[in-house]
Amino acid sequence: MELSDIVNAVSKIQGYFNTHFDGEITLEALSSAAGYSKYHTVRMFEELTGKTPFETIRTLRQTKSAQPYRPLIIRLWM
């Protein structure tokens, strides 16, 4: 498998994250978006990003949920 194939698959997965982050995200859906088996999807994603897809989803959701509080936190520190 070429590096460009892996980058393309991971890009598709990240696009799926961004459009579905507030809903249910399954490994089946991610592997379908990537066009690979569940095993290869997780392996490729972790190999390229250093995190599993579900670690990435958790981080994305935490970041998005904290955004409304950012201005409040900045004002508290001033």
PDB file of N, CA and C in Angstrom:
ATOM      1  N   MET A   1       0.838  -1.168   0.000  1.00  0.00           N
ATOM      2  CA  MET A   1       0.000   0.000   0.000  1.00  0.00           C
ATOM      3  C   MET A   1       0.894   1.246   0.000  1.00  0.00           C
ATOM      4  N   GLU A   2       0.588   2.151  -0.882  1.00  0.00           N
ATOM      5  CA  GLU A   2       1.370   3.381  -1.026  1.00  0.00           C
ATOM      6  C   GLU A   2       1.017   4.380   0.077  1.00  0.00           C
ATOM      7  N   LEU A   3       1.967   5.231   0.410  1.00  0.00           N
ATOM      8  CA  LEU A   3       1.728   6.265   1.412  1.00  0.00           C
ATOM      9  C   LEU A   3       0.587   7.183   0.972  1.00  0.00           C
ATOM     10  N   SER A   4       0.522   7.488  -0.312  1.00  0.00           N
ATOM     11  CA  SER A   4      -0.548   8.368  -0.795  1.00  0.00           C
ATOM     12  C   SER A   4      -1.925   7.738  -0.583  1.00  0.00           C
ATOM     13  N   ASP A   5      -2.021   6.410  -0.679  1.00  0.00           N
ATOM     14  CA  ASP A   5      -3.286   5.722  -0.417  1.00  0.00           C
ATOM     15  C   ASP A   5      -3.681   5.866   1.043  1.00  0.00           C
ATOM     16  N   ILE A   6      -2.707   5.743   1.927  1.00  0.00           N
ATOM     17  CA  ILE A   6      -2.968   5.881   3.364  1.00  0.00           C
ATOM     18  C   ILE A   6      -3.390   7.310   3.694  1.00  0.00           C
ATOM     19  N   VAL A   7      -2.681   8.284   3.153  1.00  0.00           N
ATOM     20  CA  VAL A   7      -3.013   9.690   3.396  1.00  0.00           C
ATOM     21  C   VAL A   7      -4.421   9.992   2.894  1.00  0.00           C
ATOM     22  N   ASN A   8      -4.765   9.480   1.731  1.00  0.00           N
ATOM     23  CA  ASN A   8      -6.094   9.702   1.160  1.00  0.00           C
ATOM     24  C   ASN A   8      -7.171   9.083   2.051  1.00  0.00           C
ATOM     25  N   ALA A   9      -6.950   7.861   2.524  1.00  0.00           N
ATOM     26  CA  ALA A   9      -7.922   7.182   3.385  1.00  0.00           C
ATOM     27  C   ALA A   9      -8.087   7.937   4.703  1.00  0.00           C
ATOM     28  N   VAL A  10      -7.003   8.364   5.311  1.00  0.00           N
ATOM     29  CA  VAL A  10      -7.064   9.093   6.583  1.00  0.00           C
ATOM     30  C   VAL A  10      -7.754  10.446   6.376  1.00  0.00           C
ATOM     31  N   SER A  11      -7.514  11.071   5.255  1.00  0.00           N
ATOM     32  CA  SER A  11      -8.185  12.332   4.941  1.00  0.00           C
ATOM     33  C   SER A  11      -9.697  12.139   4.858  1.00  0.00           C
ATOM     34  N   LYS A  12     -10.120  11.047   4.256  1.00  0.00           N
ATOM     35  CA  LYS A  12     -11.552  10.745   4.168  1.00  0.00           C
ATOM     36  C   LYS A  12     -12.139  10.505   5.555  1.00  0.00           C
ATOM     37  N   ILE A  13     -11.396   9.822   6.407  1.00  0.00           N
ATOM     38  CA  ILE A  13     -11.857   9.566   7.777  1.00  0.00           C
ATOM     39  C   ILE A  13     -11.986  10.878   8.539  1.00  0.00           C
ATOM     40  N   GLN A  14     -11.013  11.744   8.411  1.00  0.00           N
ATOM     41  CA  GLN A  14     -11.061  13.027   9.118  1.00  0.00           C
ATOM     42  C   GLN A  14     -12.211  13.887   8.609  1.00  0.00           C
ATOM     43  N   GLY A  15     -12.485  13.817   7.315  1.00  0.00           N
ATOM     44  CA  GLY A  15     -13.648  14.513   6.773  1.00  0.00           C
ATOM     45  C   GLY A  15     -14.937  13.975   7.355  1.00  0.00           C
ATOM     46  N   TYR A  16     -14.993  12.657   7.531  1.00  0.00           N
ATOM     47  CA  TYR A  16     -16.161  12.032   8.137  1.00  0.00           C
ATOM     48  C   TYR A  16     -16.322  12.507   9.584  1.00  0.00           C
ATOM     49  N   PHE A  17     -15.210  12.593  10.316  1.00  0.00           N
ATOM     50  CA  PHE A  17     -15.255  13.097  11.692  1.00  0.00           C
ATOM     51  C   PHE A  17     -15.883  14.489  11.732  1.00  0.00           C
ATOM     52  N   ASN A  18     -15.420  15.351  10.859  1.00  0.00           N
ATOM     53  CA  ASN A  18     -15.853  16.747  10.887  1.00  0.00           C
ATOM     54  C   ASN A  18     -17.319  16.923  10.533  1.00  0.00           C
ATOM     55  N   THR A  19     -17.867  16.046   9.705  1.00  0.00           N
ATOM     56  CA  THR A  19     -19.276  16.180   9.332  1.00  0.00           C
ATOM     57  C   THR A  19     -20.208  15.407  10.250  1.00  0.00           C
ATOM     58  N   HIS A  20     -19.684  14.461  11.028  1.00  0.00           N
ATOM     59  CA  HIS A  20     -20.524  13.627  11.886  1.00  0.00           C
ATOM     60  C   HIS A  20     -20.104  13.652  13.354  1.00  0.00           C
ATOM     61  N   PHE A  21     -19.313  14.643  13.780  1.00  0.00           N
ATOM     62  CA  PHE A  21     -18.742  14.609  15.130  1.00  0.00           C
ATOM     63  C   PHE A  21     -19.791  14.629  16.231  1.00  0.00           C
ATOM     64  N   ASP A  22     -20.963  15.191  15.952  1.00  0.00           N
ATOM     65  CA  ASP A  22     -21.971  15.276  17.000  1.00  0.00           C
ATOM     66  C   ASP A  22     -22.943  14.101  17.001  1.00  0.00           C
ATOM     67  N   GLY A  23     -22.739  13.149  16.114  1.00  0.00           N
ATOM     68  CA  GLY A  23     -23.580  11.956  16.060  1.00  0.00           C
ATOM     69  C   GLY A  23     -22.789  10.710  16.399  1.00  0.00           C
ATOM     70  N   GLU A  24     -23.414   9.589  16.172  1.00  0.00           N
ATOM     71  CA  GLU A  24     -22.746   8.312  16.428  1.00  0.00           C
ATOM     72  C   GLU A  24     -21.760   8.022  15.300  1.00  0.00           C
ATOM     73  N   ILE A  25     -20.555   7.684  15.661  1.00  0.00           N
ATOM     74  CA  ILE A  25     -19.529   7.316  14.684  1.00  0.00           C
ATOM     75  C   ILE A  25     -19.106   5.891  14.992  1.00  0.00           C
ATOM     76  N   THR A  26     -19.293   5.020  14.031  1.00  0.00           N
ATOM     77  CA  THR A  26     -18.948   3.615  14.222  1.00  0.00           C
ATOM     78  C   THR A  26     -17.729   3.262  13.392  1.00  0.00           C
ATOM     79  N   LEU A  27     -17.079   2.200  13.783  1.00  0.00           N
ATOM     80  CA  LEU A  27     -15.936   1.713  13.027  1.00  0.00           C
ATOM     81  C   LEU A  27     -16.374   1.280  11.629  1.00  0.00           C
ATOM     82  N   GLU A  28     -17.569   0.733  11.528  1.00  0.00           N
ATOM     83  CA  GLU A  28     -18.100   0.334  10.226  1.00  0.00           C
ATOM     84  C   GLU A  28     -18.235   1.538   9.294  1.00  0.00           C
ATOM     85  N   ALA A  29     -18.734   2.643   9.828  1.00  0.00           N
ATOM     86  CA  ALA A  29     -18.887   3.858   9.026  1.00  0.00           C
ATOM     87  C   ALA A  29     -17.530   4.415   8.602  1.00  0.00           C
ATOM     88  N   LEU A  30     -16.564   4.394   9.524  1.00  0.00           N
ATOM     89  CA  LEU A  30     -15.228   4.892   9.198  1.00  0.00           C
ATOM     90  C   LEU A  30     -14.556   4.033   8.138  1.00  0.00           C
ATOM     91  N   SER A  31     -14.678   2.719   8.283  1.00  0.00           N
ATOM     92  CA  SER A  31     -14.043   1.833   7.300  1.00  0.00           C
ATOM     93  C   SER A  31     -14.718   1.968   5.942  1.00  0.00           C
ATOM     94  N   SER A  32     -16.011   2.221   5.935  1.00  0.00           N
ATOM     95  CA  SER A  32     -16.714   2.449   4.676  1.00  0.00           C
ATOM     96  C   SER A  32     -16.235   3.749   4.022  1.00  0.00           C
ATOM     97  N   ALA A  33     -16.070   4.790   4.817  1.00  0.00           N
ATOM     98  CA  ALA A  33     -15.581   6.069   4.295  1.00  0.00           C
ATOM     99  C   ALA A  33     -14.167   5.937   3.738  1.00  0.00           C
ATOM    100  N   ALA A  34     -13.339   5.143   4.417  1.00  0.00           N
ATOM    101  CA  ALA A  34     -11.952   4.960   3.987  1.00  0.00           C
ATOM    102  C   ALA A  34     -11.823   3.996   2.811  1.00  0.00           C
ATOM    103  N   GLY A  35     -12.781   3.076   2.729  1.00  0.00           N
ATOM    104  CA  GLY A  35     -12.718   2.087   1.661  1.00  0.00           C
ATOM    105  C   GLY A  35     -11.841   0.897   1.995  1.00  0.00           C
ATOM    106  N   TYR A  36     -11.633   0.641   3.278  1.00  0.00           N
ATOM    107  CA  TYR A  36     -10.800  -0.474   3.720  1.00  0.00           C
ATOM    108  C   TYR A  36     -11.532  -1.252   4.816  1.00  0.00           C
ATOM    109  N   SER A  37     -10.976  -2.390   5.188  1.00  0.00           N
ATOM    110  CA  SER A  37     -11.563  -3.173   6.277  1.00  0.00           C
ATOM    111  C   SER A  37     -11.409  -2.416   7.592  1.00  0.00           C
ATOM    112  N   LYS A  38     -12.166  -2.835   8.597  1.00  0.00           N
ATOM    113  CA  LYS A  38     -12.084  -2.195   9.913  1.00  0.00           C
ATOM    114  C   LYS A  38     -10.661  -2.263  10.461  1.00  0.00           C
ATOM    115  N   TYR A  39     -10.046  -3.432  10.328  1.00  0.00           N
ATOM    116  CA  TYR A  39      -8.686  -3.621  10.832  1.00  0.00           C
ATOM    117  C   TYR A  39      -7.721  -2.649  10.142  1.00  0.00           C
ATOM    118  N   HIS A  40      -7.770  -2.600   8.817  1.00  0.00           N
ATOM    119  CA  HIS A  40      -6.845  -1.736   8.086  1.00  0.00           C
ATOM    120  C   HIS A  40      -7.133  -0.253   8.332  1.00  0.00           C
ATOM    121  N   THR A  41      -8.385   0.078   8.514  1.00  0.00           N
ATOM    122  CA  THR A  41      -8.737   1.471   8.787  1.00  0.00           C
ATOM    123  C   THR A  41      -8.077   1.949  10.074  1.00  0.00           C
ATOM    124  N   VAL A  42      -8.222   1.169  11.135  1.00  0.00           N
ATOM    125  CA  VAL A  42      -7.622   1.557  12.422  1.00  0.00           C
ATOM    126  C   VAL A  42      -6.102   1.572  12.315  1.00  0.00           C
ATOM    127  N   ARG A  43      -5.542   0.567  11.691  1.00  0.00           N
ATOM    128  CA  ARG A  43      -4.089   0.462  11.575  1.00  0.00           C
ATOM    129  C   ARG A  43      -3.511   1.639  10.787  1.00  0.00           C
ATOM    130  N   MET A  44      -4.116   1.967   9.654  1.00  0.00           N
ATOM    131  CA  MET A  44      -3.624   3.078   8.826  1.00  0.00           C
ATOM    132  C   MET A  44      -3.752   4.408   9.558  1.00  0.00           C
ATOM    133  N   PHE A  45      -4.907   4.614  10.200  1.00  0.00           N
ATOM    134  CA  PHE A  45      -5.132   5.874  10.892  1.00  0.00           C
ATOM    135  C   PHE A  45      -4.115   6.070  12.009  1.00  0.00           C
ATOM    136  N   GLU A  46      -3.922   5.040  12.810  1.00  0.00           N
ATOM    137  CA  GLU A  46      -2.980   5.148  13.929  1.00  0.00           C
ATOM    138  C   GLU A  46      -1.539   5.279  13.438  1.00  0.00           C
ATOM    139  N   GLU A  47      -1.225   4.605  12.361  1.00  0.00           N
ATOM    140  CA  GLU A  47       0.130   4.688  11.809  1.00  0.00           C
ATOM    141  C   GLU A  47       0.440   6.109  11.346  1.00  0.00           C
ATOM    142  N   LEU A  48      -0.537   6.780  10.757  1.00  0.00           N
ATOM    143  CA  LEU A  48      -0.295   8.111  10.216  1.00  0.00           C
ATOM    144  C   LEU A  48      -0.443   9.214  11.260  1.00  0.00           C
ATOM    145  N   THR A  49      -1.380   9.063  12.201  1.00  0.00           N
ATOM    146  CA  THR A  49      -1.656  10.149  13.144  1.00  0.00           C
ATOM    147  C   THR A  49      -1.080   9.935  14.538  1.00  0.00           C
ATOM    148  N   GLY A  50      -0.783   8.683  14.880  1.00  0.00           N
ATOM    149  CA  GLY A  50      -0.287   8.388  16.216  1.00  0.00           C
ATOM    150  C   GLY A  50      -1.389   8.174  17.239  1.00  0.00           C
ATOM    151  N   LYS A  51      -2.645   8.286  16.814  1.00  0.00           N
ATOM    152  CA  LYS A  51      -3.786   8.059  17.691  1.00  0.00           C
ATOM    153  C   LYS A  51      -4.775   7.134  16.991  1.00  0.00           C
ATOM    154  N   THR A  52      -5.569   6.437  17.783  1.00  0.00           N
ATOM    155  CA  THR A  52      -6.630   5.640  17.183  1.00  0.00           C
ATOM    156  C   THR A  52      -7.746   6.584  16.735  1.00  0.00           C
ATOM    157  N   PRO A  53      -8.605   6.118  15.840  1.00  0.00           N
ATOM    158  CA  PRO A  53      -9.718   6.984  15.420  1.00  0.00           C
ATOM    159  C   PRO A  53     -10.573   7.439  16.602  1.00  0.00           C
ATOM    160  N   PHE A  54     -10.796   6.572  17.570  1.00  0.00           N
ATOM    161  CA  PHE A  54     -11.667   6.940  18.668  1.00  0.00           C
ATOM    162  C   PHE A  54     -10.996   7.869  19.677  1.00  0.00           C
ATOM    163  N   GLU A  55      -9.682   7.826  19.789  1.00  0.00           N
ATOM    164  CA  GLU A  55      -8.977   8.839  20.582  1.00  0.00           C
ATOM    165  C   GLU A  55      -9.132  10.202  19.904  1.00  0.00           C
ATOM    166  N   THR A  56      -9.058  10.206  18.598  1.00  0.00           N
ATOM    167  CA  THR A  56      -9.201  11.438  17.830  1.00  0.00           C
ATOM    168  C   THR A  56     -10.609  11.998  17.956  1.00  0.00           C
ATOM    169  N   ILE A  57     -11.622  11.135  17.884  1.00  0.00           N
ATOM    170  CA  ILE A  57     -13.008  11.578  18.036  1.00  0.00           C
ATOM    171  C   ILE A  57     -13.211  12.204  19.416  1.00  0.00           C
ATOM    172  N   ARG A  58     -12.698  11.555  20.440  1.00  0.00           N
ATOM    173  CA  ARG A  58     -12.844  12.076  21.804  1.00  0.00           C
ATOM    174  C   ARG A  58     -12.207  13.462  21.917  1.00  0.00           C
ATOM    175  N   THR A  59     -11.011  13.619  21.386  1.00  0.00           N
ATOM    176  CA  THR A  59     -10.321  14.912  21.429  1.00  0.00           C
ATOM    177  C   THR A  59     -11.101  15.971  20.663  1.00  0.00           C
ATOM    178  N   LEU A  60     -11.598  15.622  19.488  1.00  0.00           N
ATOM    179  CA  LEU A  60     -12.375  16.561  18.682  1.00  0.00           C
ATOM    180  C   LEU A  60     -13.633  16.998  19.427  1.00  0.00           C
ATOM    181  N   ARG A  61     -14.329  16.068  20.022  1.00  0.00           N
ATOM    182  CA  ARG A  61     -15.560  16.400  20.753  1.00  0.00           C
ATOM    183  C   ARG A  61     -15.268  17.256  21.984  1.00  0.00           C
ATOM    184  N   GLN A  62     -14.194  16.961  22.678  1.00  0.00           N
ATOM    185  CA  GLN A  62     -13.837  17.767  23.850  1.00  0.00           C
ATOM    186  C   GLN A  62     -13.486  19.188  23.442  1.00  0.00           C
ATOM    187  N   THR A  63     -12.755  19.323  22.364  1.00  0.00           N
ATOM    188  CA  THR A  63     -12.363  20.639  21.870  1.00  0.00           C
ATOM    189  C   THR A  63     -13.581  21.442  21.441  1.00  0.00           C
ATOM    190  N   LYS A  64     -14.475  20.815  20.680  1.00  0.00           N
ATOM    191  CA  LYS A  64     -15.673  21.514  20.211  1.00  0.00           C
ATOM    192  C   LYS A  64     -16.594  21.879  21.360  1.00  0.00           C
ATOM    193  N   SER A  65     -16.697  21.019  22.362  1.00  0.00           N
ATOM    194  CA  SER A  65     -17.592  21.322  23.480  1.00  0.00           C
ATOM    195  C   SER A  65     -17.024  22.427  24.365  1.00  0.00           C
ATOM    196  N   ALA A  66     -15.730  22.616  24.376  1.00  0.00           N
ATOM    197  CA  ALA A  66     -15.110  23.646  25.209  1.00  0.00           C
ATOM    198  C   ALA A  66     -15.101  25.017  24.536  1.00  0.00           C
ATOM    199  N   GLN A  67     -15.324  25.088  23.244  1.00  0.00           N
ATOM    200  CA  GLN A  67     -15.239  26.362  22.522  1.00  0.00           C
ATOM    201  C   GLN A  67     -16.169  27.448  23.056  1.00  0.00           C
ATOM    202  N   PRO A  68     -17.421  27.143  23.436  1.00  0.00           N
ATOM    203  CA  PRO A  68     -18.274  28.222  23.957  1.00  0.00           C
ATOM    204  C   PRO A  68     -17.735  28.857  25.247  1.00  0.00           C
ATOM    205  N   TYR A  69     -16.911  28.138  25.981  1.00  0.00           N
ATOM    206  CA  TYR A  69     -16.385  28.635  27.252  1.00  0.00           C
ATOM    207  C   TYR A  69     -15.075  29.405  27.098  1.00  0.00           C
ATOM    208  N   ARG A  70     -14.479  29.356  25.934  1.00  0.00           N
ATOM    209  CA  ARG A  70     -13.182  30.000  25.723  1.00  0.00           C
ATOM    210  C   ARG A  70     -13.199  31.495  26.052  1.00  0.00           C
ATOM    211  N   PRO A  71     -14.163  32.282  25.561  1.00  0.00           N
ATOM    212  CA  PRO A  71     -14.152  33.719  25.924  1.00  0.00           C
ATOM    213  C   PRO A  71     -14.289  33.940  27.427  1.00  0.00           C
ATOM    214  N   LEU A  72     -15.076  33.127  28.108  1.00  0.00           N
ATOM    215  CA  LEU A  72     -15.249  33.252  29.548  1.00  0.00           C
ATOM    216  C   LEU A  72     -13.938  32.969  30.276  1.00  0.00           C
ATOM    217  N   ILE A  73     -13.237  31.938  29.859  1.00  0.00           N
ATOM    218  CA  ILE A  73     -11.963  31.579  30.485  1.00  0.00           C
ATOM    219  C   ILE A  73     -10.933  32.673  30.285  1.00  0.00           C
ATOM    220  N   ILE A  74     -10.892  33.250  29.102  1.00  0.00           N
ATOM    221  CA  ILE A  74      -9.940  34.334  28.824  1.00  0.00           C
ATOM    222  C   ILE A  74     -10.253  35.543  29.699  1.00  0.00           C
ATOM    223  N   ARG A  75     -11.538  35.899  29.861  1.00  0.00           N
ATOM    224  CA  ARG A  75     -11.907  37.036  30.704  1.00  0.00           C
ATOM    225  C   ARG A  75     -11.550  36.788  32.159  1.00  0.00           C
ATOM    226  N   LEU A  76     -11.665  35.567  32.623  1.00  0.00           N
ATOM    227  CA  LEU A  76     -11.352  35.258  34.017  1.00  0.00           C
ATOM    228  C   LEU A  76      -9.858  35.436  34.308  1.00  0.00           C
ATOM    229  N   TRP A  77      -9.028  35.220  33.313  1.00  0.00           N
ATOM    230  CA  TRP A  77      -7.585  35.327  33.514  1.00  0.00           C
ATOM    231  C   TRP A  77      -7.068  36.748  33.332  1.00  0.00           C
ATOM    232  N   MET A  78      -7.913  37.638  32.921  1.00  0.00           N
ATOM    233  CA  MET A  78      -7.445  39.025  32.685  1.00  0.00           C
ATOM    234  C   MET A  78      -7.654  39.871  33.901  1.00  0.00           C
TER     235      MET A  78
END
